[in-house]
Amino acid sequence: MKIKSTNPIAALFGSSPFKPLQDHMAVVVRCAGEVPGLFEALIVNDMAEVKKSRDAIFLLEQEADELKNQLRVHLPKSLFMPVDRRDLLEPRILS
């Protein structure tokens, strides 16, 4: 349970988005960790294992998407935040 501050100065600052972002990244890492098993199963033509890996990847992708959407919905709209809101919402291509 979050306790809201009654201090008007503290109310200007949003809560940190980093914990939910770390939760999202942890699920993404677990999802990526499933990919080598998928390819190993493809190489040996083990279609049952391919299906199992595929299903695990799809479930983790769905979980990651849900966390990402929750992060976006609950991102503070207050005046100040530890990072620019656009940096968290806009997709970027890493080069």
PDB file of N, CA and C in Angstrom:
ATOM      1  N   MET A   1       0.837  -1.174   0.000  1.00  0.00           N
ATOM      2  CA  MET A   1       0.000   0.000   0.000  1.00  0.00           C
ATOM      3  C   MET A   1       0.885   1.242   0.000  1.00  0.00           C
ATOM      4  N   LYS A   2       0.618   2.136  -0.935  1.00  0.00           N
ATOM      5  CA  LYS A   2       1.372   3.379  -0.990  1.00  0.00           C
ATOM      6  C   LYS A   2       0.704   4.415  -0.107  1.00  0.00           C
ATOM      7  N   ILE A   3       1.518   5.164   0.590  1.00  0.00           N
ATOM      8  CA  ILE A   3       1.012   6.239   1.435  1.00  0.00           C
ATOM      9  C   ILE A   3       1.328   7.548   0.740  1.00  0.00           C
ATOM     10  N   LYS A   4       0.300   8.327   0.480  1.00  0.00           N
ATOM     11  CA  LYS A   4       0.499   9.625  -0.160  1.00  0.00           C
ATOM     12  C   LYS A   4       0.944  10.639   0.881  1.00  0.00           C
ATOM     13  N   SER A   5       1.899  11.439   0.455  1.00  0.00           N
ATOM     14  CA  SER A   5       2.401  12.486   1.335  1.00  0.00           C
ATOM     15  C   SER A   5       1.421  13.651   1.364  1.00  0.00           C
ATOM     16  N   THR A   6       1.289  14.251   2.527  1.00  0.00           N
ATOM     17  CA  THR A   6       0.462  15.448   2.638  1.00  0.00           C
ATOM     18  C   THR A   6       1.297  16.698   2.443  1.00  0.00           C
ATOM     19  N   ASN A   7       2.595  16.517   2.289  1.00  0.00           N
ATOM     20  CA  ASN A   7       3.501  17.624   2.058  1.00  0.00           C
ATOM     21  C   ASN A   7       3.331  18.098   0.616  1.00  0.00           C
ATOM     22  N   PRO A   8       2.945  19.372   0.401  1.00  0.00           N
ATOM     23  CA  PRO A   8       2.720  19.856  -0.966  1.00  0.00           C
ATOM     24  C   PRO A   8       3.998  19.856  -1.821  1.00  0.00           C
ATOM     25  N   ILE A   9       5.136  20.044  -1.201  1.00  0.00           N
ATOM     26  CA  ILE A   9       6.400  20.008  -1.952  1.00  0.00           C
ATOM     27  C   ILE A   9       6.676  18.585  -2.424  1.00  0.00           C
ATOM     28  N   ALA A  10       6.488  17.609  -1.549  1.00  0.00           N
ATOM     29  CA  ALA A  10       6.712  16.212  -1.918  1.00  0.00           C
ATOM     30  C   ALA A  10       5.731  15.766  -2.992  1.00  0.00           C
ATOM     31  N   ALA A  11       4.538  16.342  -3.006  1.00  0.00           N
ATOM     32  CA  ALA A  11       3.523  15.971  -4.003  1.00  0.00           C
ATOM     33  C   ALA A  11       3.923  16.384  -5.415  1.00  0.00           C
ATOM     34  N   LEU A  12       4.862  17.328  -5.528  1.00  0.00           N
ATOM     35  CA  LEU A  12       5.332  17.742  -6.852  1.00  0.00           C
ATOM     36  C   LEU A  12       6.171  16.668  -7.529  1.00  0.00           C
ATOM     37  N   PHE A  13       6.760  15.785  -6.747  1.00  0.00           N
ATOM     38  CA  PHE A  13       7.639  14.760  -7.293  1.00  0.00           C
ATOM     39  C   PHE A  13       6.876  13.452  -7.465  1.00  0.00           C
ATOM     40  N   GLY A  14       7.032  12.854  -8.633  1.00  0.00           N
ATOM     41  CA  GLY A  14       6.378  11.582  -8.905  1.00  0.00           C
ATOM     42  C   GLY A  14       7.158  10.436  -8.295  1.00  0.00           C
ATOM     43  N   SER A  15       6.496   9.320  -8.161  1.00  0.00           N
ATOM     44  CA  SER A  15       7.196   8.139  -7.663  1.00  0.00           C
ATOM     45  C   SER A  15       8.126   7.621  -8.753  1.00  0.00           C
ATOM     46  N   SER A  16       9.159   6.981  -8.341  1.00  0.00           N
ATOM     47  CA  SER A  16      10.163   6.492  -9.285  1.00  0.00           C
ATOM     48  C   SER A  16       9.591   5.384 -10.161  1.00  0.00           C
ATOM     49  N   PRO A  17       9.834   5.443 -11.460  1.00  0.00           N
ATOM     50  CA  PRO A  17       9.359   4.396 -12.361  1.00  0.00           C
ATOM     51  C   PRO A  17      10.337   3.228 -12.476  1.00  0.00           C
ATOM     52  N   PHE A  18      11.438   3.273 -11.742  1.00  0.00           N
ATOM     53  CA  PHE A  18      12.503   2.297 -11.972  1.00  0.00           C
ATOM     54  C   PHE A  18      12.191   0.894 -11.461  1.00  0.00           C
ATOM     55  N   LYS A  19      11.472   0.748 -10.362  1.00  0.00           N
ATOM     56  CA  LYS A  19      11.127  -0.593  -9.872  1.00  0.00           C
ATOM     57  C   LYS A  19      10.224  -1.324 -10.870  1.00  0.00           C
ATOM     58  N   PRO A  20       9.133  -0.702 -11.342  1.00  0.00           N
ATOM     59  CA  PRO A  20       8.320  -1.381 -12.359  1.00  0.00           C
ATOM     60  C   PRO A  20       9.102  -1.647 -13.654  1.00  0.00           C
ATOM     61  N   LEU A  21       9.997  -0.747 -13.989  1.00  0.00           N
ATOM     62  CA  LEU A  21      10.817  -0.946 -15.183  1.00  0.00           C
ATOM     63  C   LEU A  21      11.759  -2.130 -14.997  1.00  0.00           C
ATOM     64  N   GLN A  22      12.310  -2.285 -13.796  1.00  0.00           N
ATOM     65  CA  GLN A  22      13.168  -3.434 -13.507  1.00  0.00           C
ATOM     66  C   GLN A  22      12.369  -4.736 -13.553  1.00  0.00           C
ATOM     67  N   ASP A  23      11.133  -4.705 -13.069  1.00  0.00           N
ATOM     68  CA  ASP A  23      10.278  -5.889 -13.143  1.00  0.00           C
ATOM     69  C   ASP A  23      10.047  -6.286 -14.597  1.00  0.00           C
ATOM     70  N   HIS A  24       9.790  -5.295 -15.439  1.00  0.00           N
ATOM     71  CA  HIS A  24       9.592  -5.550 -16.869  1.00  0.00           C
ATOM     72  C   HIS A  24      10.859  -6.136 -17.487  1.00  0.00           C
ATOM     73  N   MET A  25      11.996  -5.564 -17.171  1.00  0.00           N
ATOM     74  CA  MET A  25      13.256  -6.060 -17.740  1.00  0.00           C
ATOM     75  C   MET A  25      13.544  -7.487 -17.298  1.00  0.00           C
ATOM     76  N   ALA A  26      13.202  -7.836 -16.069  1.00  0.00           N
ATOM     77  CA  ALA A  26      13.436  -9.199 -15.587  1.00  0.00           C
ATOM     78  C   ALA A  26      12.624 -10.212 -16.397  1.00  0.00           C
ATOM     79  N   VAL A  27      11.389  -9.867 -16.717  1.00  0.00           N
ATOM     80  CA  VAL A  27      10.561 -10.764 -17.525  1.00  0.00           C
ATOM     81  C   VAL A  27      11.121 -10.858 -18.944  1.00  0.00           C
ATOM     82  N   VAL A  28      11.586  -9.740 -19.489  1.00  0.00           N
ATOM     83  CA  VAL A  28      12.175  -9.745 -20.832  1.00  0.00           C
ATOM     84  C   VAL A  28      13.418 -10.638 -20.867  1.00  0.00           C
ATOM     85  N   VAL A  29      14.238 -10.570 -19.835  1.00  0.00           N
ATOM     86  CA  VAL A  29      15.439 -11.415 -19.765  1.00  0.00           C
ATOM     87  C   VAL A  29      15.043 -12.895 -19.697  1.00  0.00           C
ATOM     88  N   ARG A  30      14.018 -13.212 -18.899  1.00  0.00           N
ATOM     89  CA  ARG A  30      13.547 -14.599 -18.842  1.00  0.00           C
ATOM     90  C   ARG A  30      13.037 -15.058 -20.199  1.00  0.00           C
ATOM     91  N   CYS A  31      12.333 -14.183 -20.886  1.00  0.00           N
ATOM     92  CA  CYS A  31      11.802 -14.497 -22.215  1.00  0.00           C
ATOM     93  C   CYS A  31      12.949 -14.759 -23.188  1.00  0.00           C
ATOM     94  N   ALA A  32      13.934 -13.892 -23.211  1.00  0.00           N
ATOM     95  CA  ALA A  32      15.091 -14.072 -24.104  1.00  0.00           C
ATOM     96  C   ALA A  32      15.854 -15.346 -23.750  1.00  0.00           C
ATOM     97  N   GLY A  33      15.842 -15.718 -22.484  1.00  0.00           N
ATOM     98  CA  GLY A  33      16.516 -16.934 -22.051  1.00  0.00           C
ATOM     99  C   GLY A  33      15.882 -18.200 -22.614  1.00  0.00           C
ATOM    100  N   GLU A  34      14.638 -18.110 -23.043  1.00  0.00           N
ATOM    101  CA  GLU A  34      13.942 -19.252 -23.640  1.00  0.00           C
ATOM    102  C   GLU A  34      14.333 -19.473 -25.106  1.00  0.00           C
ATOM    103  N   VAL A  35      14.861 -18.465 -25.758  1.00  0.00           N
ATOM    104  CA  VAL A  35      15.131 -18.546 -27.198  1.00  0.00           C
ATOM    105  C   VAL A  35      16.179 -19.609 -27.559  1.00  0.00           C
ATOM    106  N   PRO A  36      17.301 -19.722 -26.844  1.00  0.00           N
ATOM    107  CA  PRO A  36      18.262 -20.767 -27.217  1.00  0.00           C
ATOM    108  C   PRO A  36      17.656 -22.176 -27.203  1.00  0.00           C
ATOM    109  N   GLY A  37      16.806 -22.461 -26.219  1.00  0.00           N
ATOM    110  CA  GLY A  37      16.150 -23.764 -26.161  1.00  0.00           C
ATOM    111  C   GLY A  37      15.249 -23.998 -27.368  1.00  0.00           C
ATOM    112  N   LEU A  38      14.606 -22.937 -27.832  1.00  0.00           N
ATOM    113  CA  LEU A  38      13.766 -23.039 -29.024  1.00  0.00           C
ATOM    114  C   LEU A  38      14.605 -23.452 -30.230  1.00  0.00           C
ATOM    115  N   PHE A  39      15.751 -22.782 -30.408  1.00  0.00           N
ATOM    116  CA  PHE A  39      16.607 -23.105 -31.548  1.00  0.00           C
ATOM    117  C   PHE A  39      17.235 -24.495 -31.424  1.00  0.00           C
ATOM    118  N   GLU A  40      17.592 -24.878 -30.215  1.00  0.00           N
ATOM    119  CA  GLU A  40      18.139 -26.227 -30.015  1.00  0.00           C
ATOM    120  C   GLU A  40      17.104 -27.289 -30.396  1.00  0.00           C
ATOM    121  N   ALA A  41      15.856 -27.050 -30.009  1.00  0.00           N
ATOM    122  CA  ALA A  41      14.789 -27.988 -30.367  1.00  0.00           C
ATOM    123  C   ALA A  41      14.548 -27.998 -31.877  1.00  0.00           C
ATOM    124  N   LEU A  42      14.648 -26.840 -32.503  1.00  0.00           N
ATOM    125  CA  LEU A  42      14.492 -26.779 -33.963  1.00  0.00           C
ATOM    126  C   LEU A  42      15.599 -27.558 -34.669  1.00  0.00           C
ATOM    127  N   ILE A  43      16.819 -27.433 -34.179  1.00  0.00           N
ATOM    128  CA  ILE A  43      17.961 -28.102 -34.798  1.00  0.00           C
ATOM    129  C   ILE A  43      17.792 -29.617 -34.780  1.00  0.00           C
ATOM    130  N   VAL A  44      17.304 -30.156 -33.666  1.00  0.00           N
ATOM    131  CA  VAL A  44      17.131 -31.608 -33.559  1.00  0.00           C
ATOM    132  C   VAL A  44      15.735 -32.053 -33.995  1.00  0.00           C
ATOM    133  N   ASN A  45      14.945 -31.094 -34.498  1.00  0.00           N
ATOM    134  CA  ASN A  45      13.605 -31.366 -35.025  1.00  0.00           C
ATOM    135  C   ASN A  45      12.677 -31.995 -33.978  1.00  0.00           C
ATOM    136  N   ASP A  46      12.791 -31.502 -32.737  1.00  0.00           N
ATOM    137  CA  ASP A  46      11.923 -31.960 -31.643  1.00  0.00           C
ATOM    138  C   ASP A  46      10.738 -30.995 -31.563  1.00  0.00           C
ATOM    139  N   MET A  47       9.695 -31.286 -32.325  1.00  0.00           N
ATOM    140  CA  MET A  47       8.574 -30.359 -32.447  1.00  0.00           C
ATOM    141  C   MET A  47       7.789 -30.193 -31.142  1.00  0.00           C
ATOM    142  N   ALA A  48       7.767 -31.207 -30.305  1.00  0.00           N
ATOM    143  CA  ALA A  48       7.093 -31.071 -29.004  1.00  0.00           C
ATOM    144  C   ALA A  48       7.817 -30.037 -28.150  1.00  0.00           C
ATOM    145  N   GLU A  49       9.147 -30.091 -28.170  1.00  0.00           N
ATOM    146  CA  GLU A  49       9.937 -29.118 -27.401  1.00  0.00           C
ATOM    147  C   GLU A  49       9.848 -27.725 -28.028  1.00  0.00           C
ATOM    148  N   VAL A  50       9.772 -27.652 -29.360  1.00  0.00           N
ATOM    149  CA  VAL A  50       9.596 -26.362 -30.042  1.00  0.00           C
ATOM    150  C   VAL A  50       8.294 -25.722 -29.573  1.00  0.00           C
ATOM    151  N   LYS A  51       7.231 -26.507 -29.551  1.00  0.00           N
ATOM    152  CA  LYS A  51       5.932 -25.980 -29.113  1.00  0.00           C
ATOM    153  C   LYS A  51       5.995 -25.530 -27.655  1.00  0.00           C
ATOM    154  N   LYS A  52       6.650 -26.317 -26.810  1.00  0.00           N
ATOM    155  CA  LYS A  52       6.769 -25.974 -25.390  1.00  0.00           C
ATOM    156  C   LYS A  52       7.541 -24.653 -25.225  1.00  0.00           C
ATOM    157  N   SER A  53       8.652 -24.521 -25.948  1.00  0.00           N
ATOM    158  CA  SER A  53       9.450 -23.284 -25.877  1.00  0.00           C
ATOM    159  C   SER A  53       8.671 -22.102 -26.430  1.00  0.00           C
ATOM    160  N   ARG A  54       7.994 -22.324 -27.546  1.00  0.00           N
ATOM    161  CA  ARG A  54       7.199 -21.254 -28.164  1.00  0.00           C
ATOM    162  C   ARG A  54       6.132 -20.761 -27.202  1.00  0.00           C
ATOM    163  N   ASP A  55       5.436 -21.697 -26.567  1.00  0.00           N
ATOM    164  CA  ASP A  55       4.378 -21.320 -25.631  1.00  0.00           C
ATOM    165  C   ASP A  55       4.937 -20.544 -24.436  1.00  0.00           C
ATOM    166  N   ALA A  56       6.094 -20.976 -23.934  1.00  0.00           N
ATOM    167  CA  ALA A  56       6.724 -20.269 -22.812  1.00  0.00           C
ATOM    168  C   ALA A  56       7.110 -18.850 -23.226  1.00  0.00           C
ATOM    169  N   ILE A  57       7.651 -18.710 -24.438  1.00  0.00           N
ATOM    170  CA  ILE A  57       8.039 -17.383 -24.938  1.00  0.00           C
ATOM    171  C   ILE A  57       6.809 -16.497 -25.089  1.00  0.00           C
ATOM    172  N   PHE A  58       5.736 -17.031 -25.647  1.00  0.00           N
ATOM    173  CA  PHE A  58       4.515 -16.246 -25.824  1.00  0.00           C
ATOM    174  C   PHE A  58       3.951 -15.788 -24.481  1.00  0.00           C
ATOM    175  N   LEU A  59       3.949 -16.666 -23.482  1.00  0.00           N
ATOM    176  CA  LEU A  59       3.436 -16.289 -22.161  1.00  0.00           C
ATOM    177  C   LEU A  59       4.284 -15.188 -21.523  1.00  0.00           C
ATOM    178  N   LEU A  60       5.603 -15.327 -21.652  1.00  0.00           N
ATOM    179  CA  LEU A  60       6.485 -14.307 -21.071  1.00  0.00           C
ATOM    180  C   LEU A  60       6.371 -12.985 -21.824  1.00  0.00           C
ATOM    181  N   GLU A  61       6.201 -13.048 -23.143  1.00  0.00           N
ATOM    182  CA  GLU A  61       5.990 -11.813 -23.914  1.00  0.00           C
ATOM    183  C   GLU A  61       4.711 -11.119 -23.471  1.00  0.00           C
ATOM    184  N   GLN A  62       3.678 -11.898 -23.253  1.00  0.00           N
ATOM    185  CA  GLN A  62       2.403 -11.331 -22.808  1.00  0.00           C
ATOM    186  C   GLN A  62       2.552 -10.695 -21.425  1.00  0.00           C
ATOM    187  N   GLU A  63       3.265 -11.371 -20.539  1.00  0.00           N
ATOM    188  CA  GLU A  63       3.501 -10.818 -19.200  1.00  0.00           C
ATOM    189  C   GLU A  63       4.289  -9.512 -19.284  1.00  0.00           C
ATOM    190  N   ALA A  64       5.314  -9.489 -20.134  1.00  0.00           N
ATOM    191  CA  ALA A  64       6.124  -8.277 -20.309  1.00  0.00           C
ATOM    192  C   ALA A  64       5.276  -7.135 -20.870  1.00  0.00           C
ATOM    193  N   ASP A  65       4.412  -7.454 -21.835  1.00  0.00           N
ATOM    194  CA  ASP A  65       3.537  -6.419 -22.399  1.00  0.00           C
ATOM    195  C   ASP A  65       2.579  -5.866 -21.358  1.00  0.00           C
ATOM    196  N   GLU A  66       2.039  -6.733 -20.512  1.00  0.00           N
ATOM    197  CA  GLU A  66       1.134  -6.278 -19.453  1.00  0.00           C
ATOM    198  C   GLU A  66       1.862  -5.365 -18.472  1.00  0.00           C
ATOM    199  N   LEU A  67       3.087  -5.739 -18.093  1.00  0.00           N
ATOM    200  CA  LEU A  67       3.869  -4.889 -17.181  1.00  0.00           C
ATOM    201  C   LEU A  67       4.183  -3.543 -17.827  1.00  0.00           C
ATOM    202  N   LYS A  68       4.529  -3.577 -19.104  1.00  0.00           N
ATOM    203  CA  LYS A  68       4.840  -2.335 -19.827  1.00  0.00           C
ATOM    204  C   LYS A  68       3.613  -1.431 -19.868  1.00  0.00           C
ATOM    205  N   ASN A  69       2.455  -2.006 -20.160  1.00  0.00           N
ATOM    206  CA  ASN A  69       1.233  -1.206 -20.219  1.00  0.00           C
ATOM    207  C   ASN A  69       0.870  -0.636 -18.857  1.00  0.00           C
ATOM    208  N   GLN A  70       1.043  -1.427 -17.791  1.00  0.00           N
ATOM    209  CA  GLN A  70       0.777  -0.925 -16.443  1.00  0.00           C
ATOM    210  C   GLN A  70       1.738   0.213 -16.085  1.00  0.00           C
ATOM    211  N   LEU A  71       2.982   0.067 -16.489  1.00  0.00           N
ATOM    212  CA  LEU A  71       3.962   1.122 -16.237  1.00  0.00           C
ATOM    213  C   LEU A  71       3.532   2.410 -16.923  1.00  0.00           C
ATOM    214  N   ARG A  72       3.114   2.304 -18.154  1.00  0.00           N
ATOM    215  CA  ARG A  72       2.688   3.492 -18.901  1.00  0.00           C
ATOM    216  C   ARG A  72       1.448   4.139 -18.291  1.00  0.00           C
ATOM    217  N   VAL A  73       0.487   3.321 -17.889  1.00  0.00           N
ATOM    218  CA  VAL A  73      -0.760   3.849 -17.333  1.00  0.00           C
ATOM    219  C   VAL A  73      -0.514   4.543 -15.997  1.00  0.00           C
ATOM    220  N   HIS A  74       0.357   3.973 -15.175  1.00  0.00           N
ATOM    221  CA  HIS A  74       0.559   4.503 -13.823  1.00  0.00           C
ATOM    222  C   HIS A  74       1.752   5.442 -13.705  1.00  0.00           C
ATOM    223  N   LEU A  75       2.343   5.792 -14.819  1.00  0.00           N
ATOM    224  CA  LEU A  75       3.465   6.724 -14.788  1.00  0.00           C
ATOM    225  C   LEU A  75       2.974   8.074 -14.290  1.00  0.00           C
ATOM    226  N   PRO A  76       3.625   8.648 -13.308  1.00  0.00           N
ATOM    227  CA  PRO A  76       3.150   9.913 -12.742  1.00  0.00           C
ATOM    228  C   PRO A  76       3.087  11.023 -13.786  1.00  0.00           C
ATOM    229  N   LYS A  77       2.070  11.809 -13.678  1.00  0.00           N
ATOM    230  CA  LYS A  77       1.929  12.959 -14.566  1.00  0.00           C
ATOM    231  C   LYS A  77       2.273  14.244 -13.814  1.00  0.00           C
ATOM    232  N   SER A  78       2.901  14.080 -12.663  1.00  0.00           N
ATOM    233  CA  SER A  78       3.227  15.239 -11.838  1.00  0.00           C
ATOM    234  C   SER A  78       4.287  16.101 -12.523  1.00  0.00           C
ATOM    235  N   LEU A  79       4.552  17.201 -11.932  1.00  0.00           N
ATOM    236  CA  LEU A  79       5.467  18.177 -12.512  1.00  0.00           C
ATOM    237  C   LEU A  79       6.890  17.651 -12.621  1.00  0.00           C
ATOM    238  N   PHE A  80       7.354  16.939 -11.609  1.00  0.00           N
ATOM    239  CA  PHE A  80       8.734  16.465 -11.596  1.00  0.00           C
ATOM    240  C   PHE A  80       8.787  14.946 -11.495  1.00  0.00           C
ATOM    241  N   MET A  81       9.724  14.369 -12.212  1.00  0.00           N
ATOM    242  CA  MET A  81       9.960  12.941 -12.147  1.00  0.00           C
ATOM    243  C   MET A  81      11.468  12.732 -12.292  1.00  0.00           C
ATOM    244  N   PRO A  82      11.992  11.604 -11.819  1.00  0.00           N
ATOM    245  CA  PRO A  82      13.432  11.387 -11.903  1.00  0.00           C
ATOM    246  C   PRO A  82      13.960  11.369 -13.342  1.00  0.00           C
ATOM    247  N   VAL A  83      13.103  11.049 -14.303  1.00  0.00           N
ATOM    248  CA  VAL A  83      13.495  11.039 -15.716  1.00  0.00           C
ATOM    249  C   VAL A  83      12.385  11.688 -16.526  1.00  0.00           C
ATOM    250  N   ASP A  84      12.713  12.083 -17.735  1.00  0.00           N
ATOM    251  CA  ASP A  84      11.711  12.656 -18.625  1.00  0.00           C
ATOM    252  C   ASP A  84      10.693  11.577 -18.986  1.00  0.00           C
ATOM    253  N   ARG A  85       9.443  11.882 -18.859  1.00  0.00           N
ATOM    254  CA  ARG A  85       8.362  10.924 -19.135  1.00  0.00           C
ATOM    255  C   ARG A  85       8.475  10.349 -20.551  1.00  0.00           C
ATOM    256  N   ARG A  86       8.863  11.191 -21.518  1.00  0.00           N
ATOM    257  CA  ARG A  86       8.982  10.732 -22.905  1.00  0.00           C
ATOM    258  C   ARG A  86      10.064   9.670 -23.063  1.00  0.00           C
ATOM    259  N   ASP A  87      11.111   9.722 -22.234  1.00  0.00           N
ATOM    260  CA  ASP A  87      12.179   8.720 -22.331  1.00  0.00           C
ATOM    261  C   ASP A  87      11.664   7.336 -21.988  1.00  0.00           C
ATOM    262  N   LEU A  88      10.635   7.251 -21.173  1.00  0.00           N
ATOM    263  CA  LEU A  88      10.078   5.958 -20.810  1.00  0.00           C
ATOM    264  C   LEU A  88       8.978   5.503 -21.763  1.00  0.00           C
ATOM    265  N   LEU A  89       8.305   6.432 -22.406  1.00  0.00           N
ATOM    266  CA  LEU A  89       7.163   6.076 -23.229  1.00  0.00           C
ATOM    267  C   LEU A  89       7.500   5.882 -24.697  1.00  0.00           C
ATOM    268  N   GLU A  90       8.483   6.603 -25.197  1.00  0.00           N
ATOM    269  CA  GLU A  90       8.785   6.523 -26.617  1.00  0.00           C
ATOM    270  C   GLU A  90       9.721   5.357 -26.904  1.00  0.00           C
ATOM    271  N   PRO A  91       9.326   4.511 -27.848  1.00  0.00           N
ATOM    272  CA  PRO A  91      10.240   3.413 -28.222  1.00  0.00           C
ATOM    273  C   PRO A  91      11.451   3.991 -28.939  1.00  0.00           C
ATOM    274  N   ARG A  92      12.593   3.391 -28.694  1.00  0.00           N
ATOM    275  CA  ARG A  92      13.823   3.856 -29.331  1.00  0.00           C
ATOM    276  C   ARG A  92      14.549   2.666 -29.944  1.00  0.00           C
ATOM    277  N   ILE A  93      15.196   2.934 -31.030  1.00  0.00           N
ATOM    278  CA  ILE A  93      16.036   1.914 -31.649  1.00  0.00           C
ATOM    279  C   ILE A  93      17.461   2.163 -31.198  1.00  0.00           C
ATOM    280  N   LEU A  94      18.043   1.156 -30.560  1.00  0.00           N
ATOM    281  CA  LEU A  94      19.410   1.286 -30.080  1.00  0.00           C
ATOM    282  C   LEU A  94      20.362   1.057 -31.235  1.00  0.00           C
ATOM    283  N   SER A  95      21.343   1.903 -31.330  1.00  0.00           N
ATOM    284  CA  SER A  95      22.319   1.714 -32.414  1.00  0.00           C
ATOM    285  C   SER A  95      23.671   1.393 -31.852  1.00  0.00           C
TER     286      SER A  95
END
